[in-house]
Amino acid sequence: MTEARLERIKARLTAGLLPEMLELADDSHLHAGHAGARDGRGHFRVYIVSKQFATMRPLQRHQLVYRTLGDLMQTDIHALSISASTPDEAQSRQPGHFNPR
């Protein structure tokens, strides 16, 4: 189920935001026993680089990611840590910034 869930999230983000880079990690195993984990939804981290973020503040970028994921936020995702950058911002990104574990 985890791989299928990851693919659904990636597909939604790819279709909606046309990212130049997309890294997604499932951190659900770190939250075993947590209330959000009991209902079957997962904990994820995403690093996404898209030109669509160019004129947006960080909060607006997060809101766009949430809107793009739509119903997956209710059915598949309990918690989502988002790092959203423009291509120019990504150029100055430190190597190893995102560790999918």
PDB file of N, CA and C in Angstrom:
ATOM      1  N   MET A   1       0.826  -1.202   0.000  1.00  0.00           N
ATOM      2  CA  MET A   1       0.000   0.000   0.000  1.00  0.00           C
ATOM      3  C   MET A   1       0.863   1.256   0.000  1.00  0.00           C
ATOM      4  N   THR A   2       2.002   1.218   0.693  1.00  0.00           N
ATOM      5  CA  THR A   2       2.854   2.397   0.777  1.00  0.00           C
ATOM      6  C   THR A   2       3.355   2.829  -0.591  1.00  0.00           C
ATOM      7  N   GLU A   3       3.836   1.885  -1.402  1.00  0.00           N
ATOM      8  CA  GLU A   3       4.335   2.240  -2.733  1.00  0.00           C
ATOM      9  C   GLU A   3       3.221   2.836  -3.591  1.00  0.00           C
ATOM     10  N   ALA A   4       2.040   2.256  -3.533  1.00  0.00           N
ATOM     11  CA  ALA A   4       0.911   2.781  -4.299  1.00  0.00           C
ATOM     12  C   ALA A   4       0.545   4.177  -3.824  1.00  0.00           C
ATOM     13  N   ARG A   5       0.591   4.391  -2.531  1.00  0.00           N
ATOM     14  CA  ARG A   5       0.286   5.703  -1.957  1.00  0.00           C
ATOM     15  C   ARG A   5       1.325   6.727  -2.411  1.00  0.00           C
ATOM     16  N   LEU A   6       2.599   6.359  -2.355  1.00  0.00           N
ATOM     17  CA  LEU A   6       3.661   7.255  -2.811  1.00  0.00           C
ATOM     18  C   LEU A   6       3.481   7.614  -4.279  1.00  0.00           C
ATOM     19  N   GLU A   7       3.125   6.634  -5.088  1.00  0.00           N
ATOM     20  CA  GLU A   7       2.915   6.884  -6.517  1.00  0.00           C
ATOM     21  C   GLU A   7       1.726   7.806  -6.759  1.00  0.00           C
ATOM     22  N   ARG A   8       0.653   7.651  -5.984  1.00  0.00           N
ATOM     23  CA  ARG A   8      -0.506   8.548  -6.125  1.00  0.00           C
ATOM     24  C   ARG A   8      -0.117   9.984  -5.781  1.00  0.00           C
ATOM     25  N   ILE A   9       0.635  10.157  -4.715  1.00  0.00           N
ATOM     26  CA  ILE A   9       1.065  11.497  -4.306  1.00  0.00           C
ATOM     27  C   ILE A   9       1.972  12.100  -5.371  1.00  0.00           C
ATOM     28  N   LYS A  10       2.957  11.331  -5.832  1.00  0.00           N
ATOM     29  CA  LYS A  10       3.870  11.823  -6.869  1.00  0.00           C
ATOM     30  C   LYS A  10       3.110  12.185  -8.146  1.00  0.00           C
ATOM     31  N   ALA A  11       2.176  11.340  -8.548  1.00  0.00           N
ATOM     32  CA  ALA A  11       1.414  11.590  -9.772  1.00  0.00           C
ATOM     33  C   ALA A  11       0.617  12.884  -9.666  1.00  0.00           C
ATOM     34  N   ARG A  12      -0.010  13.094  -8.530  1.00  0.00           N
ATOM     35  CA  ARG A  12      -0.811  14.301  -8.326  1.00  0.00           C
ATOM     36  C   ARG A  12       0.071  15.551  -8.364  1.00  0.00           C
ATOM     37  N   LEU A  13       1.210  15.511  -7.667  1.00  0.00           N
ATOM     38  CA  LEU A  13       2.111  16.664  -7.641  1.00  0.00           C
ATOM     39  C   LEU A  13       2.741  16.919  -9.006  1.00  0.00           C
ATOM     40  N   THR A  14       3.087  15.856  -9.707  1.00  0.00           N
ATOM     41  CA  THR A  14       3.699  15.999 -11.025  1.00  0.00           C
ATOM     42  C   THR A  14       2.709  16.607 -12.022  1.00  0.00           C
ATOM     43  N   ALA A  15       1.493  16.109 -12.031  1.00  0.00           N
ATOM     44  CA  ALA A  15       0.490  16.618 -12.967  1.00  0.00           C
ATOM     45  C   ALA A  15       0.103  18.062 -12.656  1.00  0.00           C
ATOM     46  N   GLY A  16       0.014  18.392 -11.381  1.00  0.00           N
ATOM     47  CA  GLY A  16      -0.461  19.721 -11.011  1.00  0.00           C
ATOM     48  C   GLY A  16       0.586  20.805 -10.961  1.00  0.00           C
ATOM     49  N   LEU A  17       1.838  20.447 -10.657  1.00  0.00           N
ATOM     50  CA  LEU A  17       2.863  21.473 -10.437  1.00  0.00           C
ATOM     51  C   LEU A  17       4.032  21.410 -11.416  1.00  0.00           C
ATOM     52  N   LEU A  18       4.074  20.401 -12.263  1.00  0.00           N
ATOM     53  CA  LEU A  18       5.138  20.258 -13.260  1.00  0.00           C
ATOM     54  C   LEU A  18       6.517  20.522 -12.649  1.00  0.00           C
ATOM     55  N   PRO A  19       6.874  19.775 -11.613  1.00  0.00           N
ATOM     56  CA  PRO A  19       8.130  20.057 -10.917  1.00  0.00           C
ATOM     57  C   PRO A  19       9.369  19.720 -11.738  1.00  0.00           C
ATOM     58  N   GLU A  20      10.410  20.504 -11.499  1.00  0.00           N
ATOM     59  CA  GLU A  20      11.715  20.195 -12.078  1.00  0.00           C
ATOM     60  C   GLU A  20      12.423  19.159 -11.218  1.00  0.00           C
ATOM     61  N   MET A  21      12.043  19.112  -9.943  1.00  0.00           N
ATOM     62  CA  MET A  21      12.568  18.103  -9.031  1.00  0.00           C
ATOM     63  C   MET A  21      11.458  17.775  -8.033  1.00  0.00           C
ATOM     64  N   LEU A  22      11.357  16.495  -7.717  1.00  0.00           N
ATOM     65  CA  LEU A  22      10.374  16.040  -6.742  1.00  0.00           C
ATOM     66  C   LEU A  22      10.968  14.871  -5.972  1.00  0.00           C
ATOM     67  N   GLU A  23      11.105  15.053  -4.679  1.00  0.00           N
ATOM     68  CA  GLU A  23      11.595  13.990  -3.802  1.00  0.00           C
ATOM     69  C   GLU A  23      10.541  13.790  -2.717  1.00  0.00           C
ATOM     70  N   LEU A  24      10.178  12.548  -2.489  1.00  0.00           N
ATOM     71  CA  LEU A  24       9.127  12.223  -1.530  1.00  0.00           C
ATOM     72  C   LEU A  24       9.600  11.093  -0.635  1.00  0.00           C
ATOM     73  N   ALA A  25       9.382  11.244   0.661  1.00  0.00           N
ATOM     74  CA  ALA A  25       9.770  10.202   1.613  1.00  0.00           C
ATOM     75  C   ALA A  25       8.593   9.878   2.521  1.00  0.00           C
ATOM     76  N   ASP A  26       8.451   8.605   2.832  1.00  0.00           N
ATOM     77  CA  ASP A  26       7.422   8.128   3.749  1.00  0.00           C
ATOM     78  C   ASP A  26       8.056   7.962   5.126  1.00  0.00           C
ATOM     79  N   ASP A  27       7.633   8.792   6.074  1.00  0.00           N
ATOM     80  CA  ASP A  27       8.140   8.743   7.445  1.00  0.00           C
ATOM     81  C   ASP A  27       7.153   8.078   8.403  1.00  0.00           C
ATOM     82  N   SER A  28       6.190   7.373   7.869  1.00  0.00           N
ATOM     83  CA  SER A  28       5.136   6.780   8.693  1.00  0.00           C
ATOM     84  C   SER A  28       5.691   5.848   9.768  1.00  0.00           C
ATOM     85  N   HIS A  29       6.754   5.129   9.454  1.00  0.00           N
ATOM     86  CA  HIS A  29       7.336   4.191  10.417  1.00  0.00           C
ATOM     87  C   HIS A  29       7.853   4.906  11.666  1.00  0.00           C
ATOM     88  N   LEU A  30       8.130   6.191  11.551  1.00  0.00           N
ATOM     89  CA  LEU A  30       8.611   6.959  12.705  1.00  0.00           C
ATOM     90  C   LEU A  30       7.471   7.367  13.639  1.00  0.00           C
ATOM     91  N   HIS A  31       6.238   7.148  13.187  1.00  0.00           N
ATOM     92  CA  HIS A  31       5.070   7.591  13.945  1.00  0.00           C
ATOM     93  C   HIS A  31       4.148   6.432  14.320  1.00  0.00           C
ATOM     94  N   ALA A  32       4.679   5.240  14.369  1.00  0.00           N
ATOM     95  CA  ALA A  32       3.865   4.070  14.736  1.00  0.00           C
ATOM     96  C   ALA A  32       3.244   4.304  16.103  1.00  0.00           C
ATOM     97  N   GLY A  33       1.954   4.034  16.202  1.00  0.00           N
ATOM     98  CA  GLY A  33       1.237   4.229  17.457  1.00  0.00           C
ATOM     99  C   GLY A  33       0.662   5.618  17.627  1.00  0.00           C
ATOM    100  N   HIS A  34       1.070   6.550  16.786  1.00  0.00           N
ATOM    101  CA  HIS A  34       0.561   7.920  16.818  1.00  0.00           C
ATOM    102  C   HIS A  34      -0.893   7.906  16.367  1.00  0.00           C
ATOM    103  N   ALA A  35      -1.691   8.804  16.907  1.00  0.00           N
ATOM    104  CA  ALA A  35      -3.121   8.832  16.589  1.00  0.00           C
ATOM    105  C   ALA A  35      -3.372   8.902  15.083  1.00  0.00           C
ATOM    106  N   GLY A  36      -2.604   9.701  14.373  1.00  0.00           N
ATOM    107  CA  GLY A  36      -2.793   9.825  12.928  1.00  0.00           C
ATOM    108  C   GLY A  36      -2.433   8.566  12.181  1.00  0.00           C
ATOM    109  N   ALA A  37      -1.534   7.770  12.737  1.00  0.00           N
ATOM    110  CA  ALA A  37      -1.122   6.534  12.069  1.00  0.00           C
ATOM    111  C   ALA A  37      -2.171   5.447  12.230  1.00  0.00           C
ATOM    112  N   ARG A  38      -2.951   5.531  13.280  1.00  0.00           N
ATOM    113  CA  ARG A  38      -3.955   4.490  13.541  1.00  0.00           C
ATOM    114  C   ARG A  38      -5.053   4.432  12.492  1.00  0.00           C
ATOM    115  N   ASP A  39      -5.339   5.579  11.862  1.00  0.00           N
ATOM    116  CA  ASP A  39      -6.412   5.579  10.862  1.00  0.00           C
ATOM    117  C   ASP A  39      -5.918   5.178   9.474  1.00  0.00           C
ATOM    118  N   GLY A  40      -4.636   4.806   9.372  1.00  0.00           N
ATOM    119  CA  GLY A  40      -4.105   4.299   8.117  1.00  0.00           C
ATOM    120  C   GLY A  40      -3.471   5.337   7.216  1.00  0.00           C
ATOM    121  N   ARG A  41      -3.597   6.603   7.560  1.00  0.00           N
ATOM    122  CA  ARG A  41      -2.963   7.637   6.733  1.00  0.00           C
ATOM    123  C   ARG A  41      -1.500   7.775   7.134  1.00  0.00           C
ATOM    124  N   GLY A  42      -0.683   8.333   6.258  1.00  0.00           N
ATOM    125  CA  GLY A  42       0.751   8.368   6.487  1.00  0.00           C
ATOM    126  C   GLY A  42       1.333   9.733   6.775  1.00  0.00           C
ATOM    127  N   HIS A  43       2.602   9.708   7.178  1.00  0.00           N
ATOM    128  CA  HIS A  43       3.417  10.893   7.434  1.00  0.00           C
ATOM    129  C   HIS A  43       4.474  10.963   6.334  1.00  0.00           C
ATOM    130  N   PHE A  44       4.541  12.094   5.635  1.00  0.00           N
ATOM    131  CA  PHE A  44       5.422  12.221   4.483  1.00  0.00           C
ATOM    132  C   PHE A  44       6.216  13.516   4.527  1.00  0.00           C
ATOM    133  N   ARG A  45       7.355  13.493   3.798  1.00  0.00           N
ATOM    134  CA  ARG A  45       8.159  14.685   3.553  1.00  0.00           C
ATOM    135  C   ARG A  45       8.288  14.836   2.047  1.00  0.00           C
ATOM    136  N   VAL A  46       8.178  16.078   1.576  1.00  0.00           N
ATOM    137  CA  VAL A  46       8.321  16.334   0.147  1.00  0.00           C
ATOM    138  C   VAL A  46       9.244  17.527  -0.067  1.00  0.00           C
ATOM    139  N   TYR A  47      10.131  17.377  -1.046  1.00  0.00           N
ATOM    140  CA  TYR A  47      10.944  18.484  -1.539  1.00  0.00           C
ATOM    141  C   TYR A  47      10.551  18.644  -2.991  1.00  0.00           C
ATOM    142  N   ILE A  48      10.059  19.831  -3.340  1.00  0.00           N
ATOM    143  CA  ILE A  48       9.559  20.053  -4.695  1.00  0.00           C
ATOM    144  C   ILE A  48      10.085  21.388  -5.226  1.00  0.00           C
ATOM    145  N   VAL A  49      10.535  21.354  -6.461  1.00  0.00           N
ATOM    146  CA  VAL A  49      11.042  22.542  -7.142  1.00  0.00           C
ATOM    147  C   VAL A  49      10.146  22.779  -8.352  1.00  0.00           C
ATOM    148  N   SER A  50       9.540  23.963  -8.403  1.00  0.00           N
ATOM    149  CA  SER A  50       8.628  24.274  -9.503  1.00  0.00           C
ATOM    150  C   SER A  50       8.674  25.767  -9.825  1.00  0.00           C
ATOM    151  N   LYS A  51       8.594  26.082 -11.097  1.00  0.00           N
ATOM    152  CA  LYS A  51       8.514  27.480 -11.525  1.00  0.00           C
ATOM    153  C   LYS A  51       7.234  28.135 -11.020  1.00  0.00           C
ATOM    154  N   GLN A  52       6.223  27.338 -10.750  1.00  0.00           N
ATOM    155  CA  GLN A  52       4.946  27.883 -10.297  1.00  0.00           C
ATOM    156  C   GLN A  52       5.052  28.572  -8.941  1.00  0.00           C
ATOM    157  N   PHE A  53       6.114  28.333  -8.203  1.00  0.00           N
ATOM    158  CA  PHE A  53       6.287  28.956  -6.891  1.00  0.00           C
ATOM    159  C   PHE A  53       6.937  30.344  -6.971  1.00  0.00           C
ATOM    160  N   ALA A  54       7.319  30.779  -8.177  1.00  0.00           N
ATOM    161  CA  ALA A  54       8.150  31.972  -8.352  1.00  0.00           C
ATOM    162  C   ALA A  54       7.603  33.232  -7.689  1.00  0.00           C
ATOM    163  N   THR A  55       6.333  33.461  -7.724  1.00  0.00           N
ATOM    164  CA  THR A  55       5.786  34.702  -7.166  1.00  0.00           C
ATOM    165  C   THR A  55       5.105  34.490  -5.821  1.00  0.00           C
ATOM    166  N   MET A  56       5.313  33.337  -5.221  1.00  0.00           N
ATOM    167  CA  MET A  56       4.581  32.994  -3.999  1.00  0.00           C
ATOM    168  C   MET A  56       5.446  33.057  -2.754  1.00  0.00           C
ATOM    169  N   ARG A  57       4.792  33.410  -1.664  1.00  0.00           N
ATOM    170  CA  ARG A  57       5.420  33.321  -0.352  1.00  0.00           C
ATOM    171  C   ARG A  57       5.335  31.864   0.101  1.00  0.00           C
ATOM    172  N   PRO A  58       6.140  31.492   1.116  1.00  0.00           N
ATOM    173  CA  PRO A  58       6.130  30.089   1.567  1.00  0.00           C
ATOM    174  C   PRO A  58       4.738  29.551   1.907  1.00  0.00           C
ATOM    175  N   LEU A  59       3.930  30.316   2.607  1.00  0.00           N
ATOM    176  CA  LEU A  59       2.591  29.845   2.957  1.00  0.00           C
ATOM    177  C   LEU A  59       1.761  29.584   1.713  1.00  0.00           C
ATOM    178  N   GLN A  60       1.858  30.439   0.720  1.00  0.00           N
ATOM    179  CA  GLN A  60       1.114  30.252  -0.530  1.00  0.00           C
ATOM    180  C   GLN A  60       1.576  28.998  -1.268  1.00  0.00           C
ATOM    181  N   ARG A  61       2.863  28.725  -1.202  1.00  0.00           N
ATOM    182  CA  ARG A  61       3.400  27.521  -1.830  1.00  0.00           C
ATOM    183  C   ARG A  61       2.819  26.278  -1.171  1.00  0.00           C
ATOM    184  N   HIS A  62       2.783  26.281   0.157  1.00  0.00           N
ATOM    185  CA  HIS A  62       2.231  25.138   0.891  1.00  0.00           C
ATOM    186  C   HIS A  62       0.754  24.968   0.569  1.00  0.00           C
ATOM    187  N   GLN A  63       0.029  26.067   0.521  1.00  0.00           N
ATOM    188  CA  GLN A  63      -1.389  25.989   0.196  1.00  0.00           C
ATOM    189  C   GLN A  63      -1.607  25.403  -1.196  1.00  0.00           C
ATOM    190  N   LEU A  64      -0.750  25.775  -2.138  1.00  0.00           N
ATOM    191  CA  LEU A  64      -0.854  25.227  -3.493  1.00  0.00           C
ATOM    192  C   LEU A  64      -0.582  23.726  -3.499  1.00  0.00           C
ATOM    193  N   VAL A  65       0.402  23.286  -2.740  1.00  0.00           N
ATOM    194  CA  VAL A  65       0.690  21.853  -2.644  1.00  0.00           C
ATOM    195  C   VAL A  65      -0.524  21.123  -2.065  1.00  0.00           C
ATOM    196  N   TYR A  66      -1.101  21.663  -0.987  1.00  0.00           N
ATOM    197  CA  TYR A  66      -2.278  21.032  -0.376  1.00  0.00           C
ATOM    198  C   TYR A  66      -3.445  20.979  -1.360  1.00  0.00           C
ATOM    199  N   ARG A  67      -3.694  22.073  -2.075  1.00  0.00           N
ATOM    200  CA  ARG A  67      -4.783  22.075  -3.063  1.00  0.00           C
ATOM    201  C   ARG A  67      -4.522  21.057  -4.168  1.00  0.00           C
ATOM    202  N   THR A  68      -3.275  20.961  -4.596  1.00  0.00           N
ATOM    203  CA  THR A  68      -2.919  20.015  -5.654  1.00  0.00           C
ATOM    204  C   THR A  68      -3.155  18.574  -5.203  1.00  0.00           C
ATOM    205  N   LEU A  69      -2.859  18.284  -3.956  1.00  0.00           N
ATOM    206  CA  LEU A  69      -3.076  16.933  -3.431  1.00  0.00           C
ATOM    207  C   LEU A  69      -4.549  16.642  -3.195  1.00  0.00           C
ATOM    208  N   GLY A  70      -5.337  17.666  -2.980  1.00  0.00           N
ATOM    209  CA  GLY A  70      -6.785  17.528  -2.854  1.00  0.00           C
ATOM    210  C   GLY A  70      -7.222  16.487  -1.843  1.00  0.00           C
ATOM    211  N   ASP A  71      -8.051  15.546  -2.288  1.00  0.00           N
ATOM    212  CA  ASP A  71      -8.638  14.550  -1.395  1.00  0.00           C
ATOM    213  C   ASP A  71      -7.610  13.609  -0.770  1.00  0.00           C
ATOM    214  N   LEU A  72      -6.396  13.536  -1.325  1.00  0.00           N
ATOM    215  CA  LEU A  72      -5.368  12.683  -0.715  1.00  0.00           C
ATOM    216  C   LEU A  72      -5.014  13.175   0.691  1.00  0.00           C
ATOM    217  N   MET A  73      -5.247  14.456   0.948  1.00  0.00           N
ATOM    218  CA  MET A  73      -4.977  14.992   2.282  1.00  0.00           C
ATOM    219  C   MET A  73      -5.955  14.407   3.312  1.00  0.00           C
ATOM    220  N   GLN A  74      -7.108  13.947   2.869  1.00  0.00           N
ATOM    221  CA  GLN A  74      -8.065  13.336   3.785  1.00  0.00           C
ATOM    222  C   GLN A  74      -7.996  11.812   3.787  1.00  0.00           C
ATOM    223  N   THR A  75      -7.591  11.230   2.656  1.00  0.00           N
ATOM    224  CA  THR A  75      -7.639   9.778   2.531  1.00  0.00           C
ATOM    225  C   THR A  75      -6.300   9.076   2.740  1.00  0.00           C
ATOM    226  N   ASP A  76      -5.190   9.741   2.416  1.00  0.00           N
ATOM    227  CA  ASP A  76      -3.890   9.080   2.434  1.00  0.00           C
ATOM    228  C   ASP A  76      -2.842   9.747   3.318  1.00  0.00           C
ATOM    229  N   ILE A  77      -2.996  11.049   3.559  1.00  0.00           N
ATOM    230  CA  ILE A  77      -1.949  11.810   4.243  1.00  0.00           C
ATOM    231  C   ILE A  77      -2.449  12.350   5.570  1.00  0.00           C
ATOM    232  N   HIS A  78      -1.749  11.993   6.641  1.00  0.00           N
ATOM    233  CA  HIS A  78      -2.050  12.572   7.951  1.00  0.00           C
ATOM    234  C   HIS A  78      -1.190  13.803   8.188  1.00  0.00           C
ATOM    235  N   ALA A  79       0.093  13.721   7.823  1.00  0.00           N
ATOM    236  CA  ALA A  79       1.021  14.837   8.031  1.00  0.00           C
ATOM    237  C   ALA A  79       1.946  14.940   6.826  1.00  0.00           C
ATOM    238  N   LEU A  80       2.242  16.187   6.444  1.00  0.00           N
ATOM    239  CA  LEU A  80       3.093  16.423   5.293  1.00  0.00           C
ATOM    240  C   LEU A  80       4.042  17.572   5.596  1.00  0.00           C
ATOM    241  N   SER A  81       5.325  17.278   5.561  1.00  0.00           N
ATOM    242  CA  SER A  81       6.354  18.304   5.710  1.00  0.00           C
ATOM    243  C   SER A  81       6.757  18.727   4.300  1.00  0.00           C
ATOM    244  N   ILE A  82       6.648  20.024   4.017  1.00  0.00           N
ATOM    245  CA  ILE A  82       6.857  20.523   2.659  1.00  0.00           C
ATOM    246  C   ILE A  82       8.059  21.458   2.611  1.00  0.00           C
ATOM    247  N   SER A  83       8.923  21.202   1.654  1.00  0.00           N
ATOM    248  CA  SER A  83       9.983  22.132   1.289  1.00  0.00           C
ATOM    249  C   SER A  83       9.754  22.445  -0.176  1.00  0.00           C
ATOM    250  N   ALA A  84       9.327  23.681  -0.471  1.00  0.00           N
ATOM    251  CA  ALA A  84       8.950  24.069  -1.825  1.00  0.00           C
ATOM    252  C   ALA A  84       9.831  25.224  -2.281  1.00  0.00           C
ATOM    253  N   SER A  85      10.518  25.027  -3.402  1.00  0.00           N
ATOM    254  CA  SER A  85      11.473  26.022  -3.900  1.00  0.00           C
ATOM    255  C   SER A  85      11.239  26.322  -5.366  1.00  0.00           C
ATOM    256  N   THR A  86      11.725  27.484  -5.773  1.00  0.00           N
ATOM    257  CA  THR A  86      11.793  27.815  -7.190  1.00  0.00           C
ATOM    258  C   THR A  86      13.081  27.211  -7.734  1.00  0.00           C
ATOM    259  N   PRO A  87      13.214  27.114  -9.053  1.00  0.00           N
ATOM    260  CA  PRO A  87      14.472  26.605  -9.612  1.00  0.00           C
ATOM    261  C   PRO A  87      15.683  27.450  -9.189  1.00  0.00           C
ATOM    262  N   ASP A  88      15.529  28.767  -9.136  1.00  0.00           N
ATOM    263  CA  ASP A  88      16.641  29.626  -8.713  1.00  0.00           C
ATOM    264  C   ASP A  88      17.035  29.345  -7.267  1.00  0.00           C
ATOM    265  N   GLU A  89      16.056  29.163  -6.403  1.00  0.00           N
ATOM    266  CA  GLU A  89      16.349  28.855  -5.001  1.00  0.00           C
ATOM    267  C   GLU A  89      17.025  27.492  -4.868  1.00  0.00           C
ATOM    268  N   ALA A  90      16.618  26.563  -5.705  1.00  0.00           N
ATOM    269  CA  ALA A  90      17.182  25.216  -5.644  1.00  0.00           C
ATOM    270  C   ALA A  90      18.657  25.202  -6.030  1.00  0.00           C
ATOM    271  N   GLN A  91      19.078  26.164  -6.848  1.00  0.00           N
ATOM    272  CA  GLN A  91      20.477  26.242  -7.258  1.00  0.00           C
ATOM    273  C   GLN A  91      21.399  26.424  -6.062  1.00  0.00           C
ATOM    274  N   SER A  92      20.905  27.118  -5.028  1.00  0.00           N
ATOM    275  CA  SER A  92      21.734  27.369  -3.848  1.00  0.00           C
ATOM    276  C   SER A  92      21.514  26.340  -2.742  1.00  0.00           C
ATOM    277  N   ARG A  93      20.719  25.323  -3.034  1.00  0.00           N
ATOM    278  CA  ARG A  93      20.417  24.265  -2.062  1.00  0.00           C
ATOM    279  C   ARG A  93      21.673  23.480  -1.703  1.00  0.00           C
ATOM    280  N   GLN A  94      21.810  23.183  -0.438  1.00  0.00           N
ATOM    281  CA  GLN A  94      22.945  22.398   0.033  1.00  0.00           C
ATOM    282  C   GLN A  94      22.763  20.937  -0.369  1.00  0.00           C
ATOM    283  N   PRO A  95      23.807  20.293  -0.886  1.00  0.00           N
ATOM    284  CA  PRO A  95      23.701  18.855  -1.196  1.00  0.00           C
ATOM    285  C   PRO A  95      23.352  18.066   0.068  1.00  0.00           C
ATOM    286  N   GLY A  96      22.501  17.077  -0.110  1.00  0.00           N
ATOM    287  CA  GLY A  96      22.112  16.246   1.034  1.00  0.00           C
ATOM    288  C   GLY A  96      21.019  16.861   1.889  1.00  0.00           C
ATOM    289  N   HIS A  97      20.434  17.983   1.421  1.00  0.00           N
ATOM    290  CA  HIS A  97      19.376  18.670   2.161  1.00  0.00           C
ATOM    291  C   HIS A  97      18.204  17.729   2.447  1.00  0.00           C
ATOM    292  N   PHE A  98      17.876  16.899   1.485  1.00  0.00           N
ATOM    293  CA  PHE A  98      16.746  15.987   1.626  1.00  0.00           C
ATOM    294  C   PHE A  98      17.273  14.574   1.708  1.00  0.00           C
ATOM    295  N   ASN A  99      16.971  13.905   2.772  1.00  0.00           N
ATOM    296  CA  ASN A  99      17.408  12.523   2.960  1.00  0.00           C
ATOM    297  C   ASN A  99      16.163  11.646   3.046  1.00  0.00           C
ATOM    298  N   PRO A 100      15.824  10.923   1.974  1.00  0.00           N
ATOM    299  CA  PRO A 100      14.601  10.125   1.993  1.00  0.00           C
ATOM    300  C   PRO A 100      14.641   8.913   2.905  1.00  0.00           C
ATOM    301  N   ARG A 101      15.750   8.650   3.577  1.00  0.00           N
ATOM    302  CA  ARG A 101      15.913   7.536   4.518  1.00  0.00           C
ATOM    303  C   ARG A 101      15.705   6.241   3.800  1.00  0.00           C
TER     304      ARG A 101
END
